PDB file of all heavy atoms in Angstrom:
ATOM      1  N   LEU A   1      -5.341  -0.504 -13.291  1.00  0.00           N
ATOM      2  CA  LEU A   1      -6.576  -1.013 -12.703  1.00  0.00           C
ATOM      3  C   LEU A   1      -7.628  -1.085 -13.803  1.00  0.00           C
ATOM      4  O   LEU A   1      -7.872  -0.085 -14.491  1.00  0.00           O
ATOM      5  CB  LEU A   1      -7.051  -0.104 -11.564  1.00  0.00           C
ATOM      6  CG  LEU A   1      -6.071   0.112 -10.407  1.00  0.00           C
ATOM      7  CD1 LEU A   1      -6.622   1.166  -9.442  1.00  0.00           C
ATOM      8  CD2 LEU A   1      -5.817  -1.202  -9.666  1.00  0.00           C
ATOM      9  N   ASN A   2      -8.252  -2.270 -13.978  1.00  0.00           N
ATOM     10  CA  ASN A   2      -9.178  -2.475 -15.090  1.00  0.00           C
ATOM     11  C   ASN A   2     -10.486  -3.093 -14.618  1.00  0.00           C
ATOM     12  O   ASN A   2     -10.507  -3.932 -13.717  1.00  0.00           O
ATOM     13  CB  ASN A   2      -8.571  -3.437 -16.125  1.00  0.00           C
ATOM     14  CG  ASN A   2      -7.221  -2.983 -16.621  1.00  0.00           C
ATOM     15  OD1 ASN A   2      -7.137  -2.080 -17.411  1.00  0.00           O
ATOM     16  ND2 ASN A   2      -6.154  -3.633 -16.142  1.00  0.00           N
ATOM     17  N   TRP A   3     -11.557  -2.691 -15.303  1.00  0.00           N
ATOM     18  CA  TRP A   3     -12.864  -3.356 -15.156  1.00  0.00           C
ATOM     19  C   TRP A   3     -13.357  -3.676 -16.559  1.00  0.00           C
ATOM     20  O   TRP A   3     -13.589  -2.770 -17.367  1.00  0.00           O
ATOM     21  CB  TRP A   3     -13.833  -2.442 -14.413  1.00  0.00           C
ATOM     22  CG  TRP A   3     -15.264  -2.937 -14.421  1.00  0.00           C
ATOM     23  CD1 TRP A   3     -15.692  -4.234 -14.470  1.00  0.00           C
ATOM     24  CD2 TRP A   3     -16.444  -2.138 -14.388  1.00  0.00           C
ATOM     25  NE1 TRP A   3     -17.062  -4.296 -14.464  1.00  0.00           N
ATOM     26  CE2 TRP A   3     -17.552  -3.028 -14.409  1.00  0.00           C
ATOM     27  CE3 TRP A   3     -16.670  -0.759 -14.321  1.00  0.00           C
ATOM     28  CZ2 TRP A   3     -18.868  -2.567 -14.390  1.00  0.00           C
ATOM     29  CZ3 TRP A   3     -17.979  -0.308 -14.294  1.00  0.00           C
ATOM     30  CH2 TRP A   3     -19.063  -1.199 -14.327  1.00  0.00           C
ATOM     31  N   GLN A   4     -13.495  -4.959 -16.849  1.00  0.00           N
ATOM     32  CA  GLN A   4     -13.986  -5.406 -18.144  1.00  0.00           C
ATOM     33  C   GLN A   4     -15.368  -6.009 -17.969  1.00  0.00           C
ATOM     34  O   GLN A   4     -15.579  -6.829 -17.061  1.00  0.00           O
ATOM     35  CB  GLN A   4     -13.035  -6.435 -18.757  1.00  0.00           C
ATOM     36  CG  GLN A   4     -11.623  -5.897 -18.967  1.00  0.00           C
ATOM     37  CD  GLN A   4     -10.686  -6.952 -19.508  1.00  0.00           C
ATOM     38  OE1 GLN A   4     -10.936  -7.562 -20.546  1.00  0.00           O
ATOM     39  NE2 GLN A   4      -9.582  -7.189 -18.807  1.00  0.00           N
ATOM     40  N   ALA A   5     -16.286  -5.593 -18.837  1.00  0.00           N
ATOM     41  CA  ALA A   5     -17.678  -6.012 -18.696  1.00  0.00           C
ATOM     42  C   ALA A   5     -18.255  -6.418 -20.044  1.00  0.00           C
ATOM     43  O   ALA A   5     -18.061  -5.723 -21.045  1.00  0.00           O
ATOM     44  CB  ALA A   5     -18.513  -4.881 -18.093  1.00  0.00           C
ATOM     45  N   GLN A   6     -18.940  -7.545 -20.085  1.00  0.00           N
ATOM     46  CA  GLN A   6     -19.664  -8.015 -21.270  1.00  0.00           C
ATOM     47  C   GLN A   6     -21.149  -7.817 -20.992  1.00  0.00           C
ATOM     48  O   GLN A   6     -21.811  -8.653 -20.382  1.00  0.00           O
ATOM     49  CB  GLN A   6     -19.350  -9.489 -21.536  1.00  0.00           C
ATOM     50  CG  GLN A   6     -19.918 -10.035 -22.831  1.00  0.00           C
ATOM     51  CD  GLN A   6     -19.179  -9.530 -24.056  1.00  0.00           C
ATOM     52  OE1 GLN A   6     -17.963  -9.495 -24.088  1.00  0.00           O
ATOM     53  NE2 GLN A   6     -19.928  -9.140 -25.080  1.00  0.00           N
ATOM     54  N   TRP A   7     -21.689  -6.690 -21.443  1.00  0.00           N
ATOM     55  CA  TRP A   7     -23.046  -6.321 -21.073  1.00  0.00           C
ATOM     56  C   TRP A   7     -24.089  -7.131 -21.824  1.00  0.00           C
ATOM     57  O   TRP A   7     -25.133  -7.495 -21.260  1.00  0.00           O
ATOM     58  CB  TRP A   7     -23.272  -4.830 -21.323  1.00  0.00           C
ATOM     59  CG  TRP A   7     -22.366  -3.974 -20.484  1.00  0.00           C
ATOM     60  CD1 TRP A   7     -21.208  -3.377 -20.873  1.00  0.00           C
ATOM     61  CD2 TRP A   7     -22.531  -3.658 -19.102  1.00  0.00           C
ATOM     62  NE1 TRP A   7     -20.630  -2.692 -19.829  1.00  0.00           N
ATOM     63  CE2 TRP A   7     -21.423  -2.837 -18.719  1.00  0.00           C
ATOM     64  CE3 TRP A   7     -23.490  -3.964 -18.144  1.00  0.00           C
ATOM     65  CZ2 TRP A   7     -21.274  -2.348 -17.436  1.00  0.00           C
ATOM     66  CZ3 TRP A   7     -23.342  -3.472 -16.856  1.00  0.00           C
ATOM     67  CH2 TRP A   7     -22.253  -2.674 -16.514  1.00  0.00           C
ATOM     68  N   THR A   8     -23.853  -7.391 -23.078  1.00  0.00           N
ATOM     69  CA  THR A   8     -24.730  -8.231 -23.889  1.00  0.00           C
ATOM     70  C   THR A   8     -23.857  -9.123 -24.764  1.00  0.00           C
ATOM     71  O   THR A   8     -22.624  -9.048 -24.726  1.00  0.00           O
ATOM     72  CB  THR A   8     -25.655  -7.395 -24.794  1.00  0.00           C
ATOM     73  OG1 THR A   8     -24.863  -6.779 -25.833  1.00  0.00           O
ATOM     74  CG2 THR A   8     -26.387  -6.316 -24.004  1.00  0.00           C
ATOM     75  N   GLU A   9     -24.490  -9.942 -25.571  1.00  0.00           N
ATOM     76  CA  GLU A   9     -23.742 -10.800 -26.492  1.00  0.00           C
ATOM     77  C   GLU A   9     -22.887  -9.974 -27.442  1.00  0.00           C
ATOM     78  O   GLU A   9     -21.826 -10.404 -27.884  1.00  0.00           O
ATOM     79  CB  GLU A   9     -24.717 -11.670 -27.287  1.00  0.00           C
ATOM     80  CG  GLU A   9     -24.049 -12.574 -28.309  1.00  0.00           C
ATOM     81  CD  GLU A   9     -25.072 -13.324 -29.143  1.00  0.00           C
ATOM     82  OE1 GLU A   9     -26.287 -13.198 -28.867  1.00  0.00           O
ATOM     83  OE2 GLU A   9     -24.652 -14.031 -30.089  1.00  0.00           O
ATOM     84  N   HIS A  10     -23.327  -8.742 -27.742  1.00  0.00           N
ATOM     85  CA  HIS A  10     -22.661  -7.929 -28.755  1.00  0.00           C
ATOM     86  C   HIS A  10     -21.856  -6.756 -28.186  1.00  0.00           C
ATOM     87  O   HIS A  10     -20.982  -6.235 -28.883  1.00  0.00           O
ATOM     88  CB  HIS A  10     -23.707  -7.367 -29.734  1.00  0.00           C
ATOM     89  CG  HIS A  10     -24.559  -8.419 -30.367  1.00  0.00           C
ATOM     90  ND1 HIS A  10     -24.061  -9.341 -31.254  1.00  0.00           N
ATOM     91  CD2 HIS A  10     -25.891  -8.688 -30.228  1.00  0.00           C
ATOM     92  CE1 HIS A  10     -25.033 -10.146 -31.654  1.00  0.00           C
ATOM     93  NE2 HIS A  10     -26.159  -9.779 -31.047  1.00  0.00           N
ATOM     94  N   TYR A  11     -22.134  -6.349 -26.955  1.00  0.00           N
ATOM     95  CA  TYR A  11     -21.568  -5.101 -26.446  1.00  0.00           C
ATOM     96  C   TYR A  11     -20.728  -5.355 -25.204  1.00  0.00           C
ATOM     97  O   TYR A  11     -21.181  -5.983 -24.245  1.00  0.00           O
ATOM     98  CB  TYR A  11     -22.696  -4.118 -26.111  1.00  0.00           C
ATOM     99  CG  TYR A  11     -22.239  -2.835 -25.456  1.00  0.00           C
ATOM    100  CD1 TYR A  11     -21.263  -2.025 -26.034  1.00  0.00           C
ATOM    101  CD2 TYR A  11     -22.791  -2.429 -24.233  1.00  0.00           C
ATOM    102  CE1 TYR A  11     -20.848  -0.839 -25.423  1.00  0.00           C
ATOM    103  CE2 TYR A  11     -22.396  -1.246 -23.619  1.00  0.00           C
ATOM    104  CZ  TYR A  11     -21.418  -0.466 -24.222  1.00  0.00           C
ATOM    105  OH  TYR A  11     -21.011   0.694 -23.616  1.00  0.00           O
ATOM    106  N   SER A  12     -19.477  -4.843 -25.217  1.00  0.00           N
ATOM    107  CA  SER A  12     -18.580  -4.976 -24.070  1.00  0.00           C
ATOM    108  C   SER A  12     -17.860  -3.649 -23.838  1.00  0.00           C
ATOM    109  O   SER A  12     -17.742  -2.808 -24.739  1.00  0.00           O
ATOM    110  CB  SER A  12     -17.558  -6.092 -24.301  1.00  0.00           C
ATOM    111  OG  SER A  12     -16.749  -5.805 -25.431  1.00  0.00           O
ATOM    112  N   THR A  13     -17.368  -3.464 -22.615  1.00  0.00           N
ATOM    113  CA  THR A  13     -16.646  -2.238 -22.264  1.00  0.00           C
ATOM    114  C   THR A  13     -15.398  -2.581 -21.457  1.00  0.00           C
ATOM    115  O   THR A  13     -15.287  -3.653 -20.861  1.00  0.00           O
ATOM    116  CB  THR A  13     -17.519  -1.279 -21.430  1.00  0.00           C
ATOM    117  OG1 THR A  13     -17.890  -1.922 -20.205  1.00  0.00           O
ATOM    118  CG2 THR A  13     -18.763  -0.869 -22.194  1.00  0.00           C
ATOM    119  N   LYS A  14     -14.482  -1.626 -21.436  1.00  0.00           N
ATOM    120  CA  LYS A  14     -13.310  -1.701 -20.577  1.00  0.00           C
ATOM    121  C   LYS A  14     -13.079  -0.324 -19.996  1.00  0.00           C
ATOM    122  O   LYS A  14     -12.990   0.666 -20.722  1.00  0.00           O
ATOM    123  CB  LYS A  14     -12.076  -2.150 -21.360  1.00  0.00           C
ATOM    124  CG  LYS A  14     -10.806  -2.203 -20.511  1.00  0.00           C
ATOM    125  CD  LYS A  14      -9.609  -2.666 -21.334  1.00  0.00           C
ATOM    126  CE  LYS A  14      -8.355  -2.714 -20.482  1.00  0.00           C
ATOM    127  NZ  LYS A  14      -7.180  -3.188 -21.255  1.00  0.00           N
ATOM    128  N   LEU A  15     -12.983  -0.264 -18.676  1.00  0.00           N
ATOM    129  CA  LEU A  15     -12.696   0.978 -17.975  1.00  0.00           C
ATOM    130  C   LEU A  15     -11.347   0.803 -17.288  1.00  0.00           C
ATOM    131  O   LEU A  15     -11.159  -0.140 -16.506  1.00  0.00           O
ATOM    132  CB  LEU A  15     -13.787   1.275 -16.946  1.00  0.00           C
ATOM    133  CG  LEU A  15     -13.705   2.615 -16.210  1.00  0.00           C
ATOM    134  CD1 LEU A  15     -13.837   3.779 -17.188  1.00  0.00           C
ATOM    135  CD2 LEU A  15     -14.787   2.699 -15.134  1.00  0.00           C
ATOM    136  N   GLN A  16     -10.406   1.700 -17.585  1.00  0.00           N
ATOM    137  CA  GLN A  16      -9.044   1.541 -17.069  1.00  0.00           C
ATOM    138  C   GLN A  16      -8.504   2.852 -16.522  1.00  0.00           C
ATOM    139  O   GLN A  16      -8.670   3.906 -17.121  1.00  0.00           O
ATOM    140  CB  GLN A  16      -8.111   1.052 -18.186  1.00  0.00           C
ATOM    141  CG  GLN A  16      -6.654   0.862 -17.743  1.00  0.00           C
ATOM    142  CD  GLN A  16      -5.727   0.543 -18.890  1.00  0.00           C
ATOM    143  OE1 GLN A  16      -5.654   1.282 -19.862  1.00  0.00           O
ATOM    144  NE2 GLN A  16      -5.028  -0.576 -18.799  1.00  0.00           N
ATOM    145  N   PHE A  17      -7.866   2.726 -15.372  1.00  0.00           N
ATOM    146  CA  PHE A  17      -7.045   3.812 -14.840  1.00  0.00           C
ATOM    147  C   PHE A  17      -5.628   3.282 -14.729  1.00  0.00           C
ATOM    148  O   PHE A  17      -5.383   2.174 -14.221  1.00  0.00           O
ATOM    149  CB  PHE A  17      -7.524   4.270 -13.460  1.00  0.00           C
ATOM    150  CG  PHE A  17      -6.493   5.089 -12.737  1.00  0.00           C
ATOM    151  CD1 PHE A  17      -6.230   6.399 -13.129  1.00  0.00           C
ATOM    152  CD2 PHE A  17      -5.748   4.546 -11.689  1.00  0.00           C
ATOM    153  CE1 PHE A  17      -5.254   7.151 -12.486  1.00  0.00           C
ATOM    154  CE2 PHE A  17      -4.780   5.291 -11.033  1.00  0.00           C
ATOM    155  CZ  PHE A  17      -4.534   6.606 -11.430  1.00  0.00           C
ATOM    156  N   SER A  18      -4.653   4.049 -15.200  1.00  0.00           N
ATOM    157  CA  SER A  18      -3.266   3.601 -15.122  1.00  0.00           C
ATOM    158  C   SER A  18      -2.356   4.764 -14.753  1.00  0.00           C
ATOM    159  O   SER A  18      -2.675   5.928 -14.984  1.00  0.00           O
ATOM    160  CB  SER A  18      -2.818   2.974 -16.440  1.00  0.00           C
ATOM    161  OG  SER A  18      -2.842   3.922 -17.495  1.00  0.00           O
ATOM    162  N   GLN A  19      -1.232   4.400 -14.185  1.00  0.00           N
ATOM    163  CA  GLN A  19      -0.248   5.384 -13.759  1.00  0.00           C
ATOM    164  C   GLN A  19       1.143   4.791 -13.976  1.00  0.00           C
ATOM    165  O   GLN A  19       1.385   3.620 -13.702  1.00  0.00           O
ATOM    166  CB  GLN A  19      -0.443   5.718 -12.280  1.00  0.00           C
ATOM    167  CG  GLN A  19       0.560   6.698 -11.706  1.00  0.00           C
ATOM    168  CD  GLN A  19       0.261   7.025 -10.252  1.00  0.00           C
ATOM    169  OE1 GLN A  19      -0.870   7.247  -9.881  1.00  0.00           O
ATOM    170  NE2 GLN A  19       1.293   7.028  -9.414  1.00  0.00           N
ATOM    171  N   SER A  20       2.063   5.604 -14.500  1.00  0.00           N
ATOM    172  CA  SER A  20       3.433   5.138 -14.692  1.00  0.00           C
ATOM    173  C   SER A  20       4.411   6.231 -14.292  1.00  0.00           C
ATOM    174  O   SER A  20       4.064   7.418 -14.247  1.00  0.00           O
ATOM    175  CB  SER A  20       3.677   4.719 -16.148  1.00  0.00           C
ATOM    176  OG  SER A  20       3.577   5.830 -17.016  1.00  0.00           O
ATOM    177  N   ARG A  21       5.644   5.795 -14.017  1.00  0.00           N
ATOM    178  CA  ARG A  21       6.698   6.737 -13.626  1.00  0.00           C
ATOM    179  C   ARG A  21       7.996   6.353 -14.321  1.00  0.00           C
ATOM    180  O   ARG A  21       8.321   5.171 -14.461  1.00  0.00           O
ATOM    181  CB  ARG A  21       6.909   6.720 -12.115  1.00  0.00           C
ATOM    182  CG  ARG A  21       7.926   7.754 -11.629  1.00  0.00           C
ATOM    183  CD  ARG A  21       8.278   7.571 -10.172  1.00  0.00           C
ATOM    184  NE  ARG A  21       9.148   8.649  -9.687  1.00  0.00           N
ATOM    185  CZ  ARG A  21       9.816   8.614  -8.537  1.00  0.00           C
ATOM    186  NH1 ARG A  21       9.701   7.565  -7.735  1.00  0.00           N
ATOM    187  NH2 ARG A  21      10.587   9.622  -8.169  1.00  0.00           N
ATOM    188  N   ASP A  22       8.738   7.356 -14.772  1.00  0.00           N
ATOM    189  CA  ASP A  22      10.065   7.170 -15.341  1.00  0.00           C
ATOM    190  C   ASP A  22      10.995   8.159 -14.636  1.00  0.00           C
ATOM    191  O   ASP A  22      10.901   9.373 -14.857  1.00  0.00           O
ATOM    192  CB  ASP A  22      10.045   7.414 -16.849  1.00  0.00           C
ATOM    193  CG  ASP A  22      11.400   7.187 -17.495  1.00  0.00           C
ATOM    194  OD1 ASP A  22      12.341   7.983 -17.262  1.00  0.00           O
ATOM    195  OD2 ASP A  22      11.528   6.222 -18.254  1.00  0.00           O
ATOM    196  N   TYR A  23      11.880   7.625 -13.774  1.00  0.00           N
ATOM    197  CA  TYR A  23      12.784   8.462 -12.987  1.00  0.00           C
ATOM    198  C   TYR A  23      14.218   8.150 -13.381  1.00  0.00           C
ATOM    199  O   TYR A  23      14.614   6.988 -13.494  1.00  0.00           O
ATOM    200  CB  TYR A  23      12.590   8.204 -11.495  1.00  0.00           C
ATOM    201  CG  TYR A  23      13.565   8.949 -10.611  1.00  0.00           C
ATOM    202  CD1 TYR A  23      13.334  10.271 -10.248  1.00  0.00           C
ATOM    203  CD2 TYR A  23      14.727   8.327 -10.142  1.00  0.00           C
ATOM    204  CE1 TYR A  23      14.234  10.956  -9.433  1.00  0.00           C
ATOM    205  CE2 TYR A  23      15.619   9.004  -9.331  1.00  0.00           C
ATOM    206  CZ  TYR A  23      15.376  10.319  -8.981  1.00  0.00           C
ATOM    207  OH  TYR A  23      16.261  10.995  -8.182  1.00  0.00           O
ATOM    208  N   TYR A  24      15.019   9.199 -13.581  1.00  0.00           N
ATOM    209  CA  TYR A  24      16.422   9.022 -13.971  1.00  0.00           C
ATOM    210  C   TYR A  24      17.278  10.004 -13.187  1.00  0.00           C
ATOM    211  O   TYR A  24      16.918  11.172 -13.022  1.00  0.00           O
ATOM    212  CB  TYR A  24      16.580   9.276 -15.472  1.00  0.00           C
ATOM    213  CG  TYR A  24      18.002   9.194 -15.961  1.00  0.00           C
ATOM    214  CD1 TYR A  24      18.639   7.973 -16.118  1.00  0.00           C
ATOM    215  CD2 TYR A  24      18.702  10.355 -16.288  1.00  0.00           C
ATOM    216  CE1 TYR A  24      19.944   7.905 -16.592  1.00  0.00           C
ATOM    217  CE2 TYR A  24      20.003  10.295 -16.756  1.00  0.00           C
ATOM    218  CZ  TYR A  24      20.620   9.067 -16.904  1.00  0.00           C
ATOM    219  OH  TYR A  24      21.907   9.001 -17.364  1.00  0.00           O
ATOM    220  N   GLU A  25      18.421   9.484 -12.697  1.00  0.00           N
ATOM    221  CA  GLU A  25      19.336  10.322 -11.914  1.00  0.00           C
ATOM    222  C   GLU A  25      20.769   9.902 -12.213  1.00  0.00           C
ATOM    223  O   GLU A  25      21.046   8.718 -12.441  1.00  0.00           O
ATOM    224  CB  GLU A  25      19.048  10.141 -10.422  1.00  0.00           C
ATOM    225  CG  GLU A  25      19.967  10.937  -9.508  1.00  0.00           C
ATOM    226  CD  GLU A  25      19.704  10.680  -8.039  1.00  0.00           C
ATOM    227  OE1 GLU A  25      18.709   9.995  -7.719  1.00  0.00           O
ATOM    228  OE2 GLU A  25      20.512  11.158  -7.205  1.00  0.00           O
ATOM    229  N   THR A  26      21.671  10.857 -12.239  1.00  0.00           N
ATOM    230  CA  THR A  26      23.096  10.556 -12.388  1.00  0.00           C
ATOM    231  C   THR A  26      23.853  11.018 -11.152  1.00  0.00           C
ATOM    232  O   THR A  26      23.519  12.041 -10.542  1.00  0.00           O
ATOM    233  CB  THR A  26      23.700  11.239 -13.634  1.00  0.00           C
ATOM    234  OG1 THR A  26      23.541  12.660 -13.520  1.00  0.00           O
ATOM    235  CG2 THR A  26      23.026  10.754 -14.903  1.00  0.00           C
ATOM    236  N   ARG A  27      24.895  10.239 -10.785  1.00  0.00           N
ATOM    237  CA  ARG A  27      25.768  10.564  -9.666  1.00  0.00           C
ATOM    238  C   ARG A  27      27.206  10.272 -10.082  1.00  0.00           C
ATOM    239  O   ARG A  27      27.441   9.329 -10.846  1.00  0.00           O
ATOM    240  CB  ARG A  27      25.419   9.719  -8.438  1.00  0.00           C
ATOM    241  CG  ARG A  27      24.020   9.948  -7.889  1.00  0.00           C
ATOM    242  CD  ARG A  27      23.755   8.980  -6.731  1.00  0.00           C
ATOM    243  NE  ARG A  27      22.390   9.142  -6.209  1.00  0.00           N
ATOM    244  CZ  ARG A  27      21.856   8.311  -5.300  1.00  0.00           C
ATOM    245  NH1 ARG A  27      22.574   7.283  -4.836  1.00  0.00           N
ATOM    246  NH2 ARG A  27      20.633   8.497  -4.869  1.00  0.00           N
ATOM    247  N   PRO A  28      28.186  11.031  -9.589  1.00  0.00           N
ATOM    248  CA  PRO A  28      28.085  12.162  -8.654  1.00  0.00           C
ATOM    249  C   PRO A  28      27.650  13.467  -9.319  1.00  0.00           C
ATOM    250  O   PRO A  28      27.316  14.418  -8.630  1.00  0.00           O
ATOM    251  CB  PRO A  28      29.504  12.275  -8.117  1.00  0.00           C
ATOM    252  CG  PRO A  28      30.361  11.817  -9.236  1.00  0.00           C
ATOM    253  CD  PRO A  28      29.597  10.714  -9.905  1.00  0.00           C
ATOM    254  N   SER A  29      27.685  13.529 -10.657  1.00  0.00           N
ATOM    255  CA  SER A  29      27.196  14.748 -11.310  1.00  0.00           C
ATOM    256  C   SER A  29      25.699  14.853 -11.073  1.00  0.00           C
ATOM    257  O   SER A  29      24.950  13.908 -11.329  1.00  0.00           O
ATOM    258  CB  SER A  29      27.497  14.701 -12.805  1.00  0.00           C
ATOM    259  OG  SER A  29      26.951  13.531 -13.382  1.00  0.00           O
ATOM    260  N   PRO A  30      25.223  15.971 -10.562  1.00  0.00           N
ATOM    261  CA  PRO A  30      23.814  16.070 -10.145  1.00  0.00           C
ATOM    262  C   PRO A  30      22.871  16.331 -11.318  1.00  0.00           C
ATOM    263  O   PRO A  30      22.867  17.404 -11.909  1.00  0.00           O
ATOM    264  CB  PRO A  30      23.826  17.255  -9.172  1.00  0.00           C
ATOM    265  CG  PRO A  30      24.945  18.122  -9.671  1.00  0.00           C
ATOM    266  CD  PRO A  30      25.973  17.202 -10.267  1.00  0.00           C
ATOM    267  N   TYR A  31      22.100  15.317 -11.665  1.00  0.00           N
ATOM    268  CA  TYR A  31      21.056  15.493 -12.673  1.00  0.00           C
ATOM    269  C   TYR A  31      19.897  14.577 -12.331  1.00  0.00           C
ATOM    270  O   TYR A  31      20.095  13.392 -12.025  1.00  0.00           O
ATOM    271  CB  TYR A  31      21.584  15.162 -14.074  1.00  0.00           C
ATOM    272  CG  TYR A  31      20.504  15.267 -15.136  1.00  0.00           C
ATOM    273  CD1 TYR A  31      20.112  16.498 -15.630  1.00  0.00           C
ATOM    274  CD2 TYR A  31      19.861  14.124 -15.597  1.00  0.00           C
ATOM    275  CE1 TYR A  31      19.106  16.594 -16.572  1.00  0.00           C
ATOM    276  CE2 TYR A  31      18.856  14.216 -16.542  1.00  0.00           C
ATOM    277  CZ  TYR A  31      18.473  15.448 -17.016  1.00  0.00           C
ATOM    278  OH  TYR A  31      17.471  15.537 -17.950  1.00  0.00           O
ATOM    279  N   GLN A  32      18.673  15.107 -12.382  1.00  0.00           N
ATOM    280  CA  GLN A  32      17.474  14.331 -12.090  1.00  0.00           C
ATOM    281  C   GLN A  32      16.371  14.719 -13.059  1.00  0.00           C
ATOM    282  O   GLN A  32      16.217  15.894 -13.407  1.00  0.00           O
ATOM    283  CB  GLN A  32      16.982  14.583 -10.661  1.00  0.00           C
ATOM    284  CG  GLN A  32      17.870  14.054  -9.570  1.00  0.00           C
ATOM    285  CD  GLN A  32      17.259  14.309  -8.193  1.00  0.00           C
ATOM    286  OE1 GLN A  32      16.307  15.076  -8.040  1.00  0.00           O
ATOM    287  NE2 GLN A  32      17.822  13.664  -7.182  1.00  0.00           N
ATOM    288  N   THR A  33      15.614  13.725 -13.476  1.00  0.00           N
ATOM    289  CA  THR A  33      14.411  13.987 -14.256  1.00  0.00           C
ATOM    290  C   THR A  33      13.354  12.961 -13.871  1.00  0.00           C
ATOM    291  O   THR A  33      13.661  11.777 -13.697  1.00  0.00           O
ATOM    292  CB  THR A  33      14.691  13.937 -15.767  1.00  0.00           C
ATOM    293  OG1 THR A  33      13.480  14.198 -16.478  1.00  0.00           O
ATOM    294  CG2 THR A  33      15.255  12.600 -16.201  1.00  0.00           C
ATOM    295  N   ASP A  34      12.133  13.403 -13.710  1.00  0.00           N
ATOM    296  CA  ASP A  34      11.065  12.552 -13.190  1.00  0.00           C
ATOM    297  C   ASP A  34       9.792  12.805 -13.993  1.00  0.00           C
ATOM    298  O   ASP A  34       9.247  13.919 -13.984  1.00  0.00           O
ATOM    299  CB  ASP A  34      10.842  12.865 -11.709  1.00  0.00           C
ATOM    300  CG  ASP A  34       9.965  11.832 -11.014  1.00  0.00           C
ATOM    301  OD1 ASP A  34       9.513  10.879 -11.678  1.00  0.00           O
ATOM    302  OD2 ASP A  34       9.723  11.976  -9.795  1.00  0.00           O
ATOM    303  N   THR A  35       9.334  11.783 -14.715  1.00  0.00           N
ATOM    304  CA  THR A  35       8.094  11.861 -15.491  1.00  0.00           C
ATOM    305  C   THR A  35       7.027  11.012 -14.830  1.00  0.00           C
ATOM    306  O   THR A  35       7.266   9.847 -14.493  1.00  0.00           O
ATOM    307  CB  THR A  35       8.298  11.365 -16.930  1.00  0.00           C
ATOM    308  OG1 THR A  35       9.219  12.223 -17.602  1.00  0.00           O
ATOM    309  CG2 THR A  35       6.983  11.348 -17.695  1.00  0.00           C
ATOM    310  N   ARG A  36       5.854  11.582 -14.660  1.00  0.00           N
ATOM    311  CA  ARG A  36       4.700  10.835 -14.143  1.00  0.00           C
ATOM    312  C   ARG A  36       3.549  10.987 -15.131  1.00  0.00           C
ATOM    313  O   ARG A  36       3.252  12.096 -15.585  1.00  0.00           O
ATOM    314  CB  ARG A  36       4.293  11.332 -12.753  1.00  0.00           C
ATOM    315  CG  ARG A  36       5.371  11.081 -11.696  1.00  0.00           C
ATOM    316  CD  ARG A  36       4.975  11.637 -10.340  1.00  0.00           C
ATOM    317  NE  ARG A  36       6.041  11.490  -9.373  1.00  0.00           N
ATOM    318  CZ  ARG A  36       6.170  10.462  -8.523  1.00  0.00           C
ATOM    319  NH1 ARG A  36       5.270   9.500  -8.552  1.00  0.00           N
ATOM    320  NH2 ARG A  36       7.171  10.414  -7.669  1.00  0.00           N
ATOM    321  N   LEU A  37       2.931   9.854 -15.447  1.00  0.00           N
ATOM    322  CA  LEU A  37       1.877   9.835 -16.465  1.00  0.00           C
ATOM    323  C   LEU A  37       0.638   9.162 -15.879  1.00  0.00           C
ATOM    324  O   LEU A  37       0.729   8.065 -15.311  1.00  0.00           O
ATOM    325  CB  LEU A  37       2.373   9.085 -17.703  1.00  0.00           C
ATOM    326  CG  LEU A  37       1.555   9.123 -18.988  1.00  0.00           C
ATOM    327  CD1 LEU A  37       2.458   8.854 -20.191  1.00  0.00           C
ATOM    328  CD2 LEU A  37       0.427   8.079 -18.980  1.00  0.00           C
TER     329      LEU A  37
END
């Protein structure tokens, strides 16, 4: 999610919130790992 703003001719900002997930599982051997950022 981003908000980009050009406040003046010279000055700009970007405000960002982000979220990601990396999930891995093996079957039938039981293994799981879950990363959330």
